[in-house]
C-alpha cells in the first residue's frame, strides 16, 4: 500500500520540469481522495486504497500529458469563489481579478447600475461582481450556450440569483445607451501565436483565446460596441496583452472616449485599459 507522503513524492518526481509540481500533485491527490489539501499534511502516513490510487494515477497521467489541473478537477478559484470549469470555458486567471478590482473601485456601490460582462465563460467576472454588489443589475453574456450553462450552474451553486444570462454575439442583444459599464476579458492572442501550441493553453478553447492576426479583432469590436451601448459617461474595462495598449488608446481616442488609462497587473504588465464614454 502507498501512503499519502509516498504518493506525493512519486508524483512530484514525474513532474520535474513544472515549477508548480508539488501544488499540482497535492491538488490532484486531494481531488482523488475527495479531501481538502489540509488532510494531506495532517495524515501523511494514511494509506491509499486501490480505488484512490487508481484515480490518482489516472489524474497524474493526464497531467503529465499536459491537461490543465483545473480541467482534471473541474474547479478553479477566482475572487475566493469556487468555480466549476470545463473544456468549454477558459480557465480564470488571477490577473483577471484586476478587472473586478477596477470595476468595484470606479463604479458607485449602492447605485442600481446596469453592467454587462461580455464573454463571461465560467461566469467568473460577473459572479465576482454580483457577489460584491447586490444592487447592480449584471448580465453575463456569451455566444456559447455551453459556457452559459457552466456560468448558470456556478451561480446556482454559489447562491447568486441576481444575474441575468444572455446568449449573444457581444453586444448584439443590447439597445443603445443601455449600460452603465461593460467589462470584458475577450480573446486577445494572435491566431498564429506559438504559445497557443504550448503548455496548458493547448487544451483551452481556441475561440476564447485567439482573435485575428494581431489578437485585436474582438477588442476592436467591443470598443465599437461601447460607443453605442454605453450611457453618457459609461465605463468600459478591457483586459488585453501589454503590446495592445498603444493601439487601444488610439482607438478609444478616435471614438472620443475620455479618462483613458491603463493599469498594470501584479507582474507589472499593462493588463487592463479603462475609459469613459463622452458625456
Protein backbone atom coordinates (compact mmCIF):
# COMPACT_ATOMS: atom_id res chain seq x y z
CA UNK A 1 0.00 0.00 0.00
CA UNK A 2 1.15 3.55 -0.75
CA UNK A 3 0.93 6.33 1.82
CA UNK A 4 -0.06 9.92 1.06
CA UNK A 5 3.54 11.09 1.54
CA UNK A 6 4.87 8.40 -0.79
CA UNK A 7 2.23 9.10 -3.44
CA UNK A 8 3.13 12.78 -3.42
CA UNK A 9 6.86 12.06 -3.71
CA UNK A 10 6.27 9.75 -6.66
CA UNK A 11 4.01 12.28 -8.38
CA UNK A 12 6.44 15.18 -7.95
CA UNK A 13 9.19 13.04 -9.47
CA UNK A 14 7.05 12.64 -12.59
CA UNK A 15 6.59 16.40 -12.91
CA UNK A 16 10.20 17.63 -12.63
CA UNK A 17 10.02 20.48 -15.10
CA UNK A 18 6.94 22.15 -13.67
CA UNK A 19 7.51 24.88 -11.08
CA UNK A 20 4.13 24.04 -9.58
CA UNK A 21 4.76 20.29 -9.39
CA UNK A 22 4.12 19.95 -5.64
CA UNK A 23 0.98 22.08 -5.76
CA UNK A 24 -0.32 20.16 -8.77
CA UNK A 25 0.35 16.83 -7.07
CA UNK A 26 -1.37 17.93 -3.85
CA UNK A 27 -4.43 19.30 -5.64
CA UNK A 28 -4.82 16.14 -7.71
CA UNK A 29 -4.32 13.79 -4.76
CA UNK A 30 -6.78 15.74 -2.63
CA UNK A 31 -9.27 15.52 -5.50
CA UNK A 32 -8.73 11.76 -5.84
CA UNK A 33 -9.29 11.32 -2.10
CA UNK A 34 -12.20 13.80 -2.04
CA UNK A 35 -10.48 15.56 0.86
CA UNK A 36 -9.13 19.10 1.40
CA UNK A 37 -5.40 19.64 0.87
CA UNK A 38 -5.00 20.17 4.61
CA UNK A 39 -5.83 16.47 5.06
CA UNK A 40 -2.68 15.51 3.15
CA UNK A 41 -0.49 17.40 5.62
CA UNK A 42 -2.38 16.17 8.67
CA UNK A 43 -2.29 12.49 7.67
CA UNK A 44 0.87 11.87 5.58
CA UNK A 45 1.04 8.21 6.68
CA UNK A 46 -2.55 7.39 5.71
CA UNK A 47 -2.66 4.70 3.03
CA UNK A 48 -4.48 4.96 -0.29
CA UNK A 49 -6.85 2.12 -1.10
CA UNK A 50 -6.84 0.59 -4.58
CA UNK A 51 -9.60 2.83 -5.97
CA UNK A 52 -7.98 6.01 -4.63
CA UNK A 53 -4.57 5.06 -6.02
CA UNK A 54 -6.11 4.24 -9.39
CA UNK A 55 -7.92 7.60 -9.54
CA UNK A 56 -4.75 9.46 -8.60
CA UNK A 57 -2.61 7.64 -11.17
CA UNK A 58 -5.16 8.40 -13.89
CA UNK A 59 -5.23 12.10 -12.98
CA UNK A 60 -1.45 12.21 -12.83
CA UNK A 61 -1.12 10.52 -16.22
CA UNK A 62 -3.35 13.18 -17.79
CA UNK A 63 -1.44 15.97 -16.05
CA UNK A 64 1.89 14.62 -17.33
CA UNK A 65 0.36 14.74 -20.81
CA UNK A 66 -0.34 18.44 -20.28
CA UNK A 67 -4.04 18.59 -19.39
CA UNK A 68 -4.64 21.54 -17.02
CA UNK A 69 -5.30 20.76 -13.36
CA UNK A 70 -8.47 22.86 -13.45
CA UNK A 71 -9.96 20.63 -16.15
CA UNK A 72 -8.96 17.49 -14.26
CA UNK A 73 -10.61 18.63 -11.02
CA UNK A 74 -13.38 20.63 -12.71
CA UNK A 75 -12.74 23.60 -10.42
CA UNK A 76 -10.75 26.84 -10.19
CA UNK A 77 -10.86 29.55 -7.54
CA UNK A 78 -11.48 33.14 -8.64
CA UNK A 79 -12.09 36.07 -6.28
CA UNK A 80 -12.28 33.47 -3.46
CA UNK A 81 -15.21 31.81 -5.25
CA UNK A 82 -15.02 28.11 -6.14
CA UNK A 83 -15.98 27.90 -9.80
CA UNK A 84 -16.77 24.95 -11.99
CA UNK A 85 -14.75 24.99 -15.21
CA UNK A 86 -14.96 22.67 -18.21
CA UNK A 87 -13.05 22.38 -21.51
CA UNK A 88 -15.77 24.65 -22.96
CA UNK A 89 -14.60 27.54 -20.77
CA UNK A 90 -11.40 29.50 -20.38
CA UNK A 91 -9.66 28.81 -17.07
CA UNK A 92 -9.91 32.02 -14.96
CA UNK A 93 -6.54 33.66 -14.28
CA UNK A 94 -5.51 35.66 -11.20
CA UNK A 95 -4.66 38.71 -13.35
CA UNK A 96 -8.28 38.92 -14.49
CA UNK A 97 -9.24 39.83 -10.92
CA UNK A 98 -7.83 43.26 -11.82
CA UNK A 99 -10.97 43.85 -13.92
CA UNK A 100 -13.12 43.17 -10.85
CA UNK A 101 -10.97 45.42 -8.66
CA UNK A 102 -11.22 48.29 -11.13
CA UNK A 103 -14.99 47.95 -11.53
CA UNK A 104 -15.52 47.95 -7.77
CA UNK A 105 -13.26 50.96 -7.33
CA UNK A 106 -14.67 53.08 -10.16
CA UNK A 107 -18.42 52.44 -10.02
CA UNK A 108 -20.78 53.57 -7.22
CA UNK A 109 -21.54 50.65 -4.92
CA UNK A 110 -25.15 51.42 -3.99
CA UNK A 111 -26.50 52.65 -7.32
CA UNK A 112 -28.69 50.25 -9.36
CA UNK A 113 -26.28 50.15 -12.28
CA UNK A 114 -26.67 48.16 -15.50
CA UNK A 115 -23.44 46.22 -16.03
CA UNK A 116 -22.51 43.53 -18.57
CA UNK A 117 -19.67 41.03 -18.57
CA UNK A 118 -19.02 40.16 -22.22
CA UNK A 119 -17.55 36.73 -22.97
CA UNK A 120 -18.39 35.54 -19.47
CA UNK A 121 -17.17 31.94 -19.92
CA UNK A 122 -17.47 30.27 -16.50
CA UNK A 123 -19.10 33.46 -15.21
CA UNK A 124 -16.04 34.42 -13.15
CA UNK A 125 -16.19 38.22 -13.55
CA UNK A 126 -19.97 38.52 -13.41
CA UNK A 127 -20.22 36.28 -10.35
CA UNK A 128 -17.45 38.14 -8.52
CA UNK A 129 -19.20 41.46 -9.17
CA UNK A 130 -22.62 40.09 -8.20
CA UNK A 131 -21.12 38.69 -5.00
CA UNK A 132 -19.83 42.16 -4.05
CA UNK A 133 -22.55 44.42 -5.45
CA UNK A 134 -26.09 43.21 -4.81
CA UNK A 135 -27.61 46.46 -6.11
CA UNK A 136 -26.16 46.15 -9.60
CA UNK A 137 -28.11 44.59 -12.47
CA UNK A 138 -25.49 42.36 -14.06
CA UNK A 139 -25.72 40.48 -17.34
CA UNK A 140 -23.39 37.58 -18.09
CA UNK A 141 -23.08 37.46 -21.89
CA UNK A 142 -21.59 34.73 -24.07
CA UNK A 143 -22.15 33.46 -27.59
CA UNK A 144 -21.50 29.88 -26.41
CA UNK A 145 -24.53 28.11 -24.90
CA UNK A 146 -22.15 25.59 -23.30
CA UNK A 147 -20.30 28.39 -21.47
CA UNK A 148 -23.55 29.96 -20.30
CA UNK A 149 -24.68 26.60 -18.92
CA UNK A 150 -21.48 26.42 -16.83
CA UNK A 151 -21.95 30.02 -15.63
CA UNK A 152 -25.55 29.30 -14.65
CA UNK A 153 -24.52 26.21 -12.68
CA UNK A 154 -21.90 28.26 -10.87
CA UNK A 155 -24.47 30.90 -9.98
CA UNK A 156 -26.88 28.30 -8.60
CA UNK A 157 -24.20 26.55 -6.56
CA UNK A 158 -22.95 29.85 -5.11
CA UNK A 159 -26.48 31.01 -4.30
CA UNK A 160 -26.23 34.06 -6.57
CA UNK A 161 -29.65 34.52 -8.15
CA UNK A 162 -29.40 38.14 -9.28
CA UNK A 163 -27.53 37.52 -12.55
CA UNK A 164 -29.13 37.62 -15.98
CA UNK A 165 -27.69 35.36 -18.67
CA UNK A 166 -27.69 36.41 -22.32
CA UNK A 167 -26.71 34.23 -25.28
CA UNK A 168 -25.48 36.80 -27.80
CA UNK A 169 -22.58 37.84 -30.01
CA UNK A 170 -21.03 40.55 -27.88
CA UNK A 171 -23.48 43.49 -27.53
CA UNK A 172 -25.91 42.49 -30.28
CA UNK A 173 -28.73 41.96 -27.75
CA UNK A 174 -28.36 45.39 -26.10
CA UNK A 175 -30.10 48.59 -27.09
CA UNK A 176 -28.41 51.97 -27.48
CA UNK A 177 -27.21 53.65 -24.29
CA UNK A 178 -28.46 50.81 -22.09
CA UNK A 179 -25.36 50.08 -19.98
CA UNK A 180 -23.50 51.95 -17.26
CA UNK A 181 -20.49 49.68 -17.67
CA UNK A 182 -19.21 46.99 -20.00
CA UNK A 183 -16.44 44.69 -18.82
CA UNK A 184 -14.61 42.03 -20.78
CA UNK A 185 -11.70 39.64 -20.85
CA UNK A 186 -12.04 38.89 -24.57
CA UNK A 187 -9.84 36.71 -26.78
CA UNK A 188 -6.67 38.72 -27.45
CA UNK A 189 -3.98 36.30 -28.67
CA UNK A 190 -2.83 36.45 -32.30
CA UNK A 191 -4.10 33.48 -34.33
CA UNK A 192 -0.58 32.29 -35.22
CA UNK A 193 0.99 32.87 -31.80
CA UNK A 194 3.20 29.88 -30.99
CA UNK A 195 2.07 29.94 -27.33
CA UNK A 196 -1.28 28.51 -28.44
CA UNK A 197 0.52 25.22 -29.07
CA UNK A 198 2.37 25.13 -25.75
CA UNK A 199 1.61 24.05 -22.18
CA UNK A 200 -1.84 24.11 -20.60
CA UNK A 201 -3.15 26.62 -23.13
CA UNK A 202 -3.24 23.85 -25.79
CA UNK A 203 -6.27 22.39 -24.05
CA UNK A 204 -8.29 25.59 -23.68
CA UNK A 205 -10.94 26.62 -26.23
CA UNK A 206 -9.25 28.41 -29.12
CA UNK A 207 -12.26 30.70 -29.58
CA UNK A 208 -11.73 32.07 -26.07
CA UNK A 209 -8.07 32.85 -26.73
CA UNK A 210 -7.35 33.88 -30.32
CA UNK A 211 -8.75 36.89 -32.17
CA UNK A 212 -7.43 37.67 -35.63
CA UNK A 213 -3.96 38.19 -36.99
CA UNK A 214 -2.88 40.56 -34.21
CA UNK A 215 -5.25 39.48 -31.44
CA UNK A 216 -7.21 42.71 -31.81
CA UNK A 217 -10.40 41.76 -33.64
CA UNK A 218 -12.64 41.31 -30.59
CA UNK A 219 -11.12 44.26 -28.74
CA UNK A 220 -11.93 46.48 -31.72
CA UNK A 221 -15.46 45.11 -31.84
CA UNK A 222 -16.01 45.79 -28.14
CA UNK A 223 -14.79 49.38 -28.37
CA UNK A 224 -17.04 49.99 -31.35
CA UNK A 225 -19.96 48.45 -29.47
CA UNK A 226 -19.22 50.60 -26.42
CA UNK A 227 -19.82 53.77 -28.40
CA UNK A 228 -23.36 52.56 -28.99
CA UNK A 229 -24.47 50.74 -25.84
CA UNK A 230 -22.84 52.77 -23.06
CA UNK A 231 -24.74 55.56 -21.40
CA UNK A 232 -23.20 59.02 -21.13
CA UNK A 233 -20.01 58.74 -19.02
CA UNK A 234 -20.39 54.94 -19.06
CA UNK A 235 -17.31 52.89 -18.25
CA UNK A 236 -15.50 50.32 -20.39
CA UNK A 237 -12.93 47.95 -18.86
CA UNK A 238 -10.92 45.64 -21.12
CA UNK A 239 -8.25 43.06 -20.37
CA UNK A 240 -5.60 42.81 -23.09
CA UNK A 241 -1.99 41.98 -23.89
CA UNK A 242 0.65 44.60 -22.97
CA UNK A 243 1.54 45.17 -26.62
CA UNK A 244 -2.04 46.28 -27.34
CA UNK A 245 -2.00 49.32 -25.06
CA UNK A 246 -0.97 51.95 -27.61
CA UNK A 247 -3.47 50.72 -30.19
CA UNK A 248 -6.34 50.67 -27.68
CA UNK A 249 -5.58 54.21 -26.50
CA UNK A 250 -5.55 55.41 -30.10
CA UNK A 251 -8.84 53.72 -30.92
CA UNK A 252 -10.55 54.97 -27.76
CA UNK A 253 -9.40 58.50 -28.56
CA UNK A 254 -10.80 58.18 -32.07
CA UNK A 255 -14.12 57.14 -30.56
CA UNK A 256 -13.96 60.27 -28.34
CA UNK A 257 -13.68 58.35 -25.07
CA UNK A 258 -12.24 60.22 -22.09
CA UNK A 259 -10.31 59.36 -18.91
CA UNK A 260 -8.34 56.70 -20.80
CA UNK A 261 -5.92 54.84 -18.55
CA UNK A 262 -4.10 51.50 -18.49
CA UNK A 263 -3.49 49.66 -15.22
CA UNK A 264 -0.66 47.20 -14.59
CA UNK A 265 -1.16 43.76 -13.07
CA UNK A 266 0.80 42.24 -10.16
CA UNK A 267 3.58 41.27 -12.57
CA UNK A 268 3.95 44.89 -13.67
CA UNK A 269 2.45 44.25 -17.11
CA UNK A 270 -0.04 46.60 -18.74
CA UNK A 271 -3.18 44.48 -18.44
CA UNK A 272 -6.43 46.48 -18.16
CA UNK A 273 -7.43 49.61 -20.07
CA UNK A 274 -10.36 51.69 -18.91
CA UNK A 275 -12.17 54.68 -20.39
CA UNK A 276 -15.46 56.55 -20.24
CA UNK A 277 -17.86 57.39 -23.00
CA UNK A 278 -18.07 61.12 -23.64
CA UNK A 279 -20.90 62.88 -21.86
